[in-house]
Amino acid sequence: MSSRHLNTLFSQYTGLPPKLFYKINRFQHSLSLVSANEEKLTNVAYSAGYFDQAHFIKEFKLFTGFTPNSFAAQASPINQALAGS
C-alpha cells in the first residue's frame, strides 16, 4: 500500500488528513498540560511533541486565539472542560 493511498483511506475514515489529525491530538494534550498549570511552557511544548516553545505558542494561538499564558490566566470552567479536566 502506498503512503498516498493510506493518506486517502485515513482521510475517508476520519474526515481529516493525518497531519491535521496529529496536530489536533497534540494540541489537546498540550491544552490539558497548560490547564493543569504545573509545568513551564518549554516543558509543556516538549512533552506535547512540539519542536520548540515558539512553534507551540504559535499553534496554541492558532487553535485558541490566546497565548498559553493568557489561556491559563483565564482558566474558567469552560476552558477546563475543553481540556478534559
PDB file of N, CA and C in Angstrom:
ATOM      1  N   MET A   1       0.855  -1.173   0.000  1.00  0.00           N
ATOM      2  CA  MET A   1       0.000   0.000   0.000  1.00  0.00           C
ATOM      3  C   MET A   1       0.902   1.236   0.000  1.00  0.00           C
ATOM      4  N   SER A   2       0.606   2.156  -0.856  1.00  0.00           N
ATOM      5  CA  SER A   2       1.404   3.383  -0.928  1.00  0.00           C
ATOM      6  C   SER A   2       0.987   4.344   0.179  1.00  0.00           C
ATOM      7  N   SER A   3       1.882   5.269   0.483  1.00  0.00           N
ATOM      8  CA  SER A   3       1.570   6.256   1.519  1.00  0.00           C
ATOM      9  C   SER A   3       0.418   7.162   1.077  1.00  0.00           C
ATOM     10  N   ARG A   4       0.344   7.423  -0.200  1.00  0.00           N
ATOM     11  CA  ARG A   4      -0.746   8.262  -0.710  1.00  0.00           C
ATOM     12  C   ARG A   4      -2.095   7.568  -0.518  1.00  0.00           C
ATOM     13  N   HIS A   5      -2.130   6.280  -0.801  1.00  0.00           N
ATOM     14  CA  HIS A   5      -3.370   5.519  -0.615  1.00  0.00           C
ATOM     15  C   HIS A   5      -3.751   5.462   0.867  1.00  0.00           C
ATOM     16  N   LEU A   6      -2.762   5.271   1.714  1.00  0.00           N
ATOM     17  CA  LEU A   6      -3.013   5.247   3.151  1.00  0.00           C
ATOM     18  C   LEU A   6      -3.561   6.590   3.628  1.00  0.00           C
ATOM     19  N   ASN A   7      -2.980   7.686   3.152  1.00  0.00           N
ATOM     20  CA  ASN A   7      -3.483   9.023   3.493  1.00  0.00           C
ATOM     21  C   ASN A   7      -4.925   9.204   3.036  1.00  0.00           C
ATOM     22  N   THR A   8      -5.246   8.718   1.840  1.00  0.00           N
ATOM     23  CA  THR A   8      -6.606   8.821   1.315  1.00  0.00           C
ATOM     24  C   THR A   8      -7.582   8.027   2.175  1.00  0.00           C
ATOM     25  N   LEU A   9      -7.208   6.805   2.534  1.00  0.00           N
ATOM     26  CA  LEU A   9      -8.066   5.984   3.387  1.00  0.00           C
ATOM     27  C   LEU A   9      -8.264   6.628   4.754  1.00  0.00           C
ATOM     28  N   PHE A  10      -7.183   7.141   5.326  1.00  0.00           N
ATOM     29  CA  PHE A  10      -7.262   7.805   6.628  1.00  0.00           C
ATOM     30  C   PHE A  10      -8.239   8.972   6.554  1.00  0.00           C
ATOM     31  N   SER A  11      -8.112   9.776   5.517  1.00  0.00           N
ATOM     32  CA  SER A  11      -8.993  10.944   5.350  1.00  0.00           C
ATOM     33  C   SER A  11     -10.444  10.527   5.161  1.00  0.00           C
ATOM     34  N   GLN A  12     -10.668   9.446   4.432  1.00  0.00           N
ATOM     35  CA  GLN A  12     -12.039   8.972   4.214  1.00  0.00           C
ATOM     36  C   GLN A  12     -12.681   8.524   5.518  1.00  0.00           C
ATOM     37  N   TYR A  13     -11.926   7.843   6.359  1.00  0.00           N
ATOM     38  CA  TYR A  13     -12.492   7.284   7.587  1.00  0.00           C
ATOM     39  C   TYR A  13     -12.551   8.267   8.754  1.00  0.00           C
ATOM     40  N   THR A  14     -11.650   9.227   8.773  1.00  0.00           N
ATOM     41  CA  THR A  14     -11.647  10.179   9.889  1.00  0.00           C
ATOM     42  C   THR A  14     -12.212  11.539   9.507  1.00  0.00           C
ATOM     43  N   GLY A  15     -12.211  11.854   8.230  1.00  0.00           N
ATOM     44  CA  GLY A  15     -12.660  13.166   7.784  1.00  0.00           C
ATOM     45  C   GLY A  15     -11.566  14.219   7.858  1.00  0.00           C
ATOM     46  N   LEU A  16     -10.365  13.802   8.285  1.00  0.00           N
ATOM     47  CA  LEU A  16      -9.227  14.723   8.412  1.00  0.00           C
ATOM     48  C   LEU A  16      -7.987  14.101   7.796  1.00  0.00           C
ATOM     49  N   PRO A  17      -7.127  14.936   7.220  1.00  0.00           N
ATOM     50  CA  PRO A  17      -5.842  14.402   6.779  1.00  0.00           C
ATOM     51  C   PRO A  17      -5.003  14.014   8.002  1.00  0.00           C
ATOM     52  N   PRO A  18      -4.095  13.045   7.860  1.00  0.00           N
ATOM     53  CA  PRO A  18      -3.304  12.589   9.003  1.00  0.00           C
ATOM     54  C   PRO A  18      -2.552  13.706   9.722  1.00  0.00           C
ATOM     55  N   LYS A  19      -2.003  14.637   8.990  1.00  0.00           N
ATOM     56  CA  LYS A  19      -1.224  15.715   9.608  1.00  0.00           C
ATOM     57  C   LYS A  19      -2.105  16.582  10.514  1.00  0.00           C
ATOM     58  N   LEU A  20      -3.287  16.930  10.060  1.00  0.00           N
ATOM     59  CA  LEU A  20      -4.194  17.738  10.869  1.00  0.00           C
ATOM     60  C   LEU A  20      -4.686  16.945  12.080  1.00  0.00           C
ATOM     61  N   PHE A  21      -4.959  15.679  11.882  1.00  0.00           N
ATOM     62  CA  PHE A  21      -5.368  14.814  12.986  1.00  0.00           C
ATOM     63  C   PHE A  21      -4.295  14.800  14.074  1.00  0.00           C
ATOM     64  N   TYR A  22      -3.037  14.674  13.661  1.00  0.00           N
ATOM     65  CA  TYR A  22      -1.924  14.684  14.610  1.00  0.00           C
ATOM     66  C   TYR A  22      -1.826  16.034  15.328  1.00  0.00           C
ATOM     67  N   LYS A  23      -1.970  17.126  14.581  1.00  0.00           N
ATOM     68  CA  LYS A  23      -1.897  18.464  15.186  1.00  0.00           C
ATOM     69  C   LYS A  23      -2.983  18.654  16.241  1.00  0.00           C
ATOM     70  N   ILE A  24      -4.188  18.196  15.944  1.00  0.00           N
ATOM     71  CA  ILE A  24      -5.294  18.334  16.895  1.00  0.00           C
ATOM     72  C   ILE A  24      -5.027  17.519  18.153  1.00  0.00           C
ATOM     73  N   ASN A  25      -4.577  16.291  17.984  1.00  0.00           N
ATOM     74  CA  ASN A  25      -4.275  15.454  19.159  1.00  0.00           C
ATOM     75  C   ASN A  25      -3.158  16.049  19.991  1.00  0.00           C
ATOM     76  N   ARG A  26      -2.132  16.549  19.333  1.00  0.00           N
ATOM     77  CA  ARG A  26      -1.007  17.163  20.042  1.00  0.00           C
ATOM     78  C   ARG A  26      -1.479  18.411  20.790  1.00  0.00           C
ATOM     79  N   PHE A  27      -2.337  19.206  20.137  1.00  0.00           N
ATOM     80  CA  PHE A  27      -2.875  20.395  20.780  1.00  0.00           C
ATOM     81  C   PHE A  27      -3.715  20.024  21.996  1.00  0.00           C
ATOM     82  N   GLN A  28      -4.564  19.015  21.882  1.00  0.00           N
ATOM     83  CA  GLN A  28      -5.401  18.602  23.007  1.00  0.00           C
ATOM     84  C   GLN A  28      -4.546  18.184  24.202  1.00  0.00           C
ATOM     85  N   HIS A  29      -3.461  17.495  23.928  1.00  0.00           N
ATOM     86  CA  HIS A  29      -2.556  17.100  25.007  1.00  0.00           C
ATOM     87  C   HIS A  29      -1.935  18.340  25.653  1.00  0.00           C
ATOM     88  N   SER A  30      -1.481  19.271  24.822  1.00  0.00           N
ATOM     89  CA  SER A  30      -0.862  20.490  25.366  1.00  0.00           C
ATOM     90  C   SER A  30      -1.886  21.318  26.136  1.00  0.00           C
ATOM     91  N   LEU A  31      -3.126  21.319  25.685  1.00  0.00           N
ATOM     92  CA  LEU A  31      -4.184  22.058  26.368  1.00  0.00           C
ATOM     93  C   LEU A  31      -4.398  21.530  27.786  1.00  0.00           C
ATOM     94  N   SER A  32      -4.390  20.232  27.939  1.00  0.00           N
ATOM     95  CA  SER A  32      -4.561  19.671  29.280  1.00  0.00           C
ATOM     96  C   SER A  32      -3.368  20.005  30.165  1.00  0.00           C
ATOM     97  N   LEU A  33      -2.168  20.027  29.595  1.00  0.00           N
ATOM     98  CA  LEU A  33      -0.979  20.381  30.376  1.00  0.00           C
ATOM     99  C   LEU A  33      -0.998  21.856  30.784  1.00  0.00           C
ATOM    100  N   VAL A  34      -1.411  22.723  29.875  1.00  0.00           N
ATOM    101  CA  VAL A  34      -1.478  24.160  30.183  1.00  0.00           C
ATOM    102  C   VAL A  34      -2.555  24.413  31.228  1.00  0.00           C
ATOM    103  N   SER A  35      -3.686  23.743  31.105  1.00  0.00           N
ATOM    104  CA  SER A  35      -4.775  23.928  32.064  1.00  0.00           C
ATOM    105  C   SER A  35      -4.381  23.469  33.457  1.00  0.00           C
ATOM    106  N   ALA A  36      -3.550  22.431  33.534  1.00  0.00           N
ATOM    107  CA  ALA A  36      -3.078  21.958  34.833  1.00  0.00           C
ATOM    108  C   ALA A  36      -2.158  22.988  35.469  1.00  0.00           C
ATOM    109  N   ASN A  37      -1.502  23.795  34.626  1.00  0.00           N
ATOM    110  CA  ASN A  37      -0.646  24.900  35.076  1.00  0.00           C
ATOM    111  C   ASN A  37       0.430  24.442  36.057  1.00  0.00           C
ATOM    112  N   GLU A  38       1.004  23.269  35.811  1.00  0.00           N
ATOM    113  CA  GLU A  38       2.016  22.720  36.704  1.00  0.00           C
ATOM    114  C   GLU A  38       3.430  22.775  36.123  1.00  0.00           C
ATOM    115  N   GLU A  39       3.542  22.986  34.816  1.00  0.00           N
ATOM    116  CA  GLU A  39       4.850  22.972  34.170  1.00  0.00           C
ATOM    117  C   GLU A  39       5.098  24.281  33.431  1.00  0.00           C
ATOM    118  N   LYS A  40       6.376  24.554  33.184  1.00  0.00           N
ATOM    119  CA  LYS A  40       6.746  25.702  32.365  1.00  0.00           C
ATOM    120  C   LYS A  40       6.369  25.410  30.919  1.00  0.00           C
ATOM    121  N   LEU A  41       6.181  26.477  30.136  1.00  0.00           N
ATOM    122  CA  LEU A  41       5.754  26.313  28.752  1.00  0.00           C
ATOM    123  C   LEU A  41       6.744  25.502  27.919  1.00  0.00           C
ATOM    124  N   THR A  42       8.017  25.652  28.186  1.00  0.00           N
ATOM    125  CA  THR A  42       9.014  24.880  27.445  1.00  0.00           C
ATOM    126  C   THR A  42       8.813  23.393  27.678  1.00  0.00           C
ATOM    127  N   ASN A  43       8.578  23.011  28.917  1.00  0.00           N
ATOM    128  CA  ASN A  43       8.334  21.602  29.235  1.00  0.00           C
ATOM    129  C   ASN A  43       7.036  21.108  28.611  1.00  0.00           C
ATOM    130  N   VAL A  44       6.013  21.945  28.629  1.00  0.00           N
ATOM    131  CA  VAL A  44       4.741  21.582  28.010  1.00  0.00           C
ATOM    132  C   VAL A  44       4.948  21.343  26.514  1.00  0.00           C
ATOM    133  N   ALA A  45       5.668  22.246  25.873  1.00  0.00           N
ATOM    134  CA  ALA A  45       5.910  22.129  24.433  1.00  0.00           C
ATOM    135  C   ALA A  45       6.609  20.813  24.103  1.00  0.00           C
ATOM    136  N   TYR A  46       7.657  20.498  24.808  1.00  0.00           N
ATOM    137  CA  TYR A  46       8.393  19.266  24.537  1.00  0.00           C
ATOM    138  C   TYR A  46       7.584  18.029  24.903  1.00  0.00           C
ATOM    139  N   SER A  47       6.833  18.090  25.990  1.00  0.00           N
ATOM    140  CA  SER A  47       6.004  16.951  26.406  1.00  0.00           C
ATOM    141  C   SER A  47       4.908  16.655  25.383  1.00  0.00           C
ATOM    142  N   ALA A  48       4.405  17.695  24.763  1.00  0.00           N
ATOM    143  CA  ALA A  48       3.336  17.523  23.782  1.00  0.00           C
ATOM    144  C   ALA A  48       3.862  17.196  22.390  1.00  0.00           C
ATOM    145  N   GLY A  49       5.167  17.231  22.202  1.00  0.00           N
ATOM    146  CA  GLY A  49       5.741  16.845  20.917  1.00  0.00           C
ATOM    147  C   GLY A  49       6.059  17.978  19.970  1.00  0.00           C
ATOM    148  N   TYR A  50       6.093  19.191  20.476  1.00  0.00           N
ATOM    149  CA  TYR A  50       6.463  20.330  19.631  1.00  0.00           C
ATOM    150  C   TYR A  50       7.976  20.433  19.549  1.00  0.00           C
ATOM    151  N   PHE A  51       8.453  20.998  18.435  1.00  0.00           N
ATOM    152  CA  PHE A  51       9.893  21.129  18.214  1.00  0.00           C
ATOM    153  C   PHE A  51      10.509  22.141  19.169  1.00  0.00           C
ATOM    154  N   ASP A  52       9.794  23.240  19.408  1.00  0.00           N
ATOM    155  CA  ASP A  52      10.286  24.258  20.332  1.00  0.00           C
ATOM    156  C   ASP A  52       9.105  25.060  20.888  1.00  0.00           C
ATOM    157  N   GLN A  53       9.395  25.923  21.825  1.00  0.00           N
ATOM    158  CA  GLN A  53       8.350  26.691  22.501  1.00  0.00           C
ATOM    159  C   GLN A  53       7.654  27.656  21.546  1.00  0.00           C
ATOM    160  N   ALA A  54       8.403  28.258  20.640  1.00  0.00           N
ATOM    161  CA  ALA A  54       7.812  29.212  19.702  1.00  0.00           C
ATOM    162  C   ALA A  54       6.773  28.527  18.805  1.00  0.00           C
ATOM    163  N   HIS A  55       7.096  27.340  18.322  1.00  0.00           N
ATOM    164  CA  HIS A  55       6.164  26.572  17.495  1.00  0.00           C
ATOM    165  C   HIS A  55       4.913  26.219  18.292  1.00  0.00           C
ATOM    166  N   PHE A  56       5.100  25.829  19.538  1.00  0.00           N
ATOM    167  CA  PHE A  56       3.982  25.501  20.421  1.00  0.00           C
ATOM    168  C   PHE A  56       3.069  26.708  20.620  1.00  0.00           C
ATOM    169  N   ILE A  57       3.644  27.858  20.947  1.00  0.00           N
ATOM    170  CA  ILE A  57       2.844  29.060  21.197  1.00  0.00           C
ATOM    171  C   ILE A  57       2.080  29.469  19.944  1.00  0.00           C
ATOM    172  N   LYS A  58       2.732  29.403  18.789  1.00  0.00           N
ATOM    173  CA  LYS A  58       2.100  29.784  17.533  1.00  0.00           C
ATOM    174  C   LYS A  58       0.894  28.879  17.238  1.00  0.00           C
ATOM    175  N   GLU A  59       1.068  27.583  17.398  1.00  0.00           N
ATOM    176  CA  GLU A  59      -0.029  26.661  17.120  1.00  0.00           C
ATOM    177  C   GLU A  59      -1.134  26.772  18.178  1.00  0.00           C
ATOM    178  N   PHE A  60      -0.758  26.973  19.431  1.00  0.00           N
ATOM    179  CA  PHE A  60      -1.744  27.142  20.501  1.00  0.00           C
ATOM    180  C   PHE A  60      -2.618  28.344  20.205  1.00  0.00           C
ATOM    181  N   LYS A  61      -1.990  29.433  19.795  1.00  0.00           N
ATOM    182  CA  LYS A  61      -2.732  30.655  19.482  1.00  0.00           C
ATOM    183  C   LYS A  61      -3.607  30.466  18.245  1.00  0.00           C
ATOM    184  N   LEU A  62      -3.158  29.676  17.295  1.00  0.00           N
ATOM    185  CA  LEU A  62      -3.947  29.383  16.104  1.00  0.00           C
ATOM    186  C   LEU A  62      -5.242  28.663  16.481  1.00  0.00           C
ATOM    187  N   PHE A  63      -5.162  27.707  17.395  1.00  0.00           N
ATOM    188  CA  PHE A  63      -6.329  26.934  17.799  1.00  0.00           C
ATOM    189  C   PHE A  63      -7.248  27.687  18.762  1.00  0.00           C
ATOM    190  N   THR A  64      -6.678  28.466  19.673  1.00  0.00           N
ATOM    191  CA  THR A  64      -7.495  29.082  20.718  1.00  0.00           C
ATOM    192  C   THR A  64      -7.714  30.582  20.546  1.00  0.00           C
ATOM    193  N   GLY A  65      -6.799  31.254  19.875  1.00  0.00           N
ATOM    194  CA  GLY A  65      -6.858  32.710  19.782  1.00  0.00           C
ATOM    195  C   GLY A  65      -6.150  33.391  20.943  1.00  0.00           C
ATOM    196  N   PHE A  66      -5.595  32.580  21.857  1.00  0.00           N
ATOM    197  CA  PHE A  66      -4.888  33.091  23.029  1.00  0.00           C
ATOM    198  C   PHE A  66      -3.493  32.477  23.101  1.00  0.00           C
ATOM    199  N   THR A  67      -2.596  33.185  23.757  1.00  0.00           N
ATOM    200  CA  THR A  67      -1.317  32.570  24.077  1.00  0.00           C
ATOM    201  C   THR A  67      -1.553  31.600  25.233  1.00  0.00           C
ATOM    202  N   PRO A  68      -0.670  30.638  25.434  1.00  0.00           N
ATOM    203  CA  PRO A  68      -0.861  29.703  26.544  1.00  0.00           C
ATOM    204  C   PRO A  68      -0.959  30.394  27.902  1.00  0.00           C
ATOM    205  N   ASN A  69      -0.143  31.422  28.127  1.00  0.00           N
ATOM    206  CA  ASN A  69      -0.204  32.146  29.408  1.00  0.00           C
ATOM    207  C   ASN A  69      -1.543  32.847  29.595  1.00  0.00           C
ATOM    208  N   SER A  70      -2.046  33.490  28.558  1.00  0.00           N
ATOM    209  CA  SER A  70      -3.349  34.157  28.636  1.00  0.00           C
ATOM    210  C   SER A  70      -4.458  33.147  28.882  1.00  0.00           C
ATOM    211  N   PHE A  71      -4.356  32.022  28.199  1.00  0.00           N
ATOM    212  CA  PHE A  71      -5.354  30.969  28.358  1.00  0.00           C
ATOM    213  C   PHE A  71      -5.359  30.449  29.795  1.00  0.00           C
ATOM    214  N   ALA A  72      -4.191  30.185  30.338  1.00  0.00           N
ATOM    215  CA  ALA A  72      -4.087  29.664  31.705  1.00  0.00           C
ATOM    216  C   ALA A  72      -4.581  30.694  32.718  1.00  0.00           C
ATOM    217  N   ALA A  73      -4.321  31.974  32.457  1.00  0.00           N
ATOM    218  CA  ALA A  73      -4.766  33.027  33.376  1.00  0.00           C
ATOM    219  C   ALA A  73      -6.282  33.138  33.406  1.00  0.00           C
ATOM    220  N   GLN A  74      -6.918  32.790  32.299  1.00  0.00           N
ATOM    221  CA  GLN A  74      -8.374  32.872  32.214  1.00  0.00           C
ATOM    222  C   GLN A  74      -9.009  31.508  32.462  1.00  0.00           C
ATOM    223  N   ALA A  75      -8.331  30.653  33.187  1.00  0.00           N
ATOM    224  CA  ALA A  75      -8.795  29.276  33.405  1.00  0.00           C
ATOM    225  C   ALA A  75     -10.204  29.273  33.991  1.00  0.00           C
ATOM    226  N   SER A  76     -11.158  29.228  33.108  1.00  0.00           N
ATOM    227  CA  SER A  76     -12.560  29.197  33.517  1.00  0.00           C
ATOM    228  C   SER A  76     -13.059  27.754  33.443  1.00  0.00           C
ATOM    229  N   PRO A  77     -14.214  27.478  33.957  1.00  0.00           N
ATOM    230  CA  PRO A  77     -14.764  26.126  33.848  1.00  0.00           C
ATOM    231  C   PRO A  77     -14.896  25.662  32.385  1.00  0.00           C
ATOM    232  N   ILE A  78     -15.164  26.587  31.470  1.00  0.00           N
ATOM    233  CA  ILE A  78     -15.266  26.211  30.054  1.00  0.00           C
ATOM    234  C   ILE A  78     -13.913  25.751  29.547  1.00  0.00           C
ATOM    235  N   ASN A  79     -12.839  26.495  29.854  1.00  0.00           N
ATOM    236  CA  ASN A  79     -11.504  26.106  29.430  1.00  0.00           C
ATOM    237  C   ASN A  79     -11.129  24.757  30.007  1.00  0.00           C
ATOM    238  N   GLN A  80     -11.455  24.542  31.252  1.00  0.00           N
ATOM    239  CA  GLN A  80     -11.127  23.265  31.880  1.00  0.00           C
ATOM    240  C   GLN A  80     -11.918  22.123  31.264  1.00  0.00           C
ATOM    241  N   ALA A  81     -13.143  22.384  30.857  1.00  0.00           N
ATOM    242  CA  ALA A  81     -13.952  21.361  30.195  1.00  0.00           C
ATOM    243  C   ALA A  81     -13.380  21.026  28.827  1.00  0.00           C
ATOM    244  N   LEU A  82     -12.893  22.041  28.112  1.00  0.00           N
ATOM    245  CA  LEU A  82     -12.258  21.804  26.824  1.00  0.00           C
ATOM    246  C   LEU A  82     -10.999  20.964  26.969  1.00  0.00           C
ATOM    247  N   ALA A  83     -10.284  21.156  28.036  1.00  0.00           N
ATOM    248  CA  ALA A  83      -9.049  20.428  28.260  1.00  0.00           C
ATOM    249  C   ALA A  83      -9.306  19.031  28.777  1.00  0.00           C
ATOM    250  N   GLY A  84     -10.518  18.733  29.136  1.00  0.00           N
ATOM    251  CA  GLY A  84     -10.832  17.406  29.618  1.00  0.00           C
ATOM    252  C   GLY A  84     -10.496  17.200  31.078  1.00  0.00           C
ATOM    253  N   SER A  85     -10.401  18.282  31.846  1.00  0.00           N
ATOM    254  CA  SER A  85     -10.058  18.172  33.274  1.00  0.00           C
ATOM    255  C   SER A  85     -11.234  17.699  34.072  1.00  0.00           C
TER     256      SER A  85
END
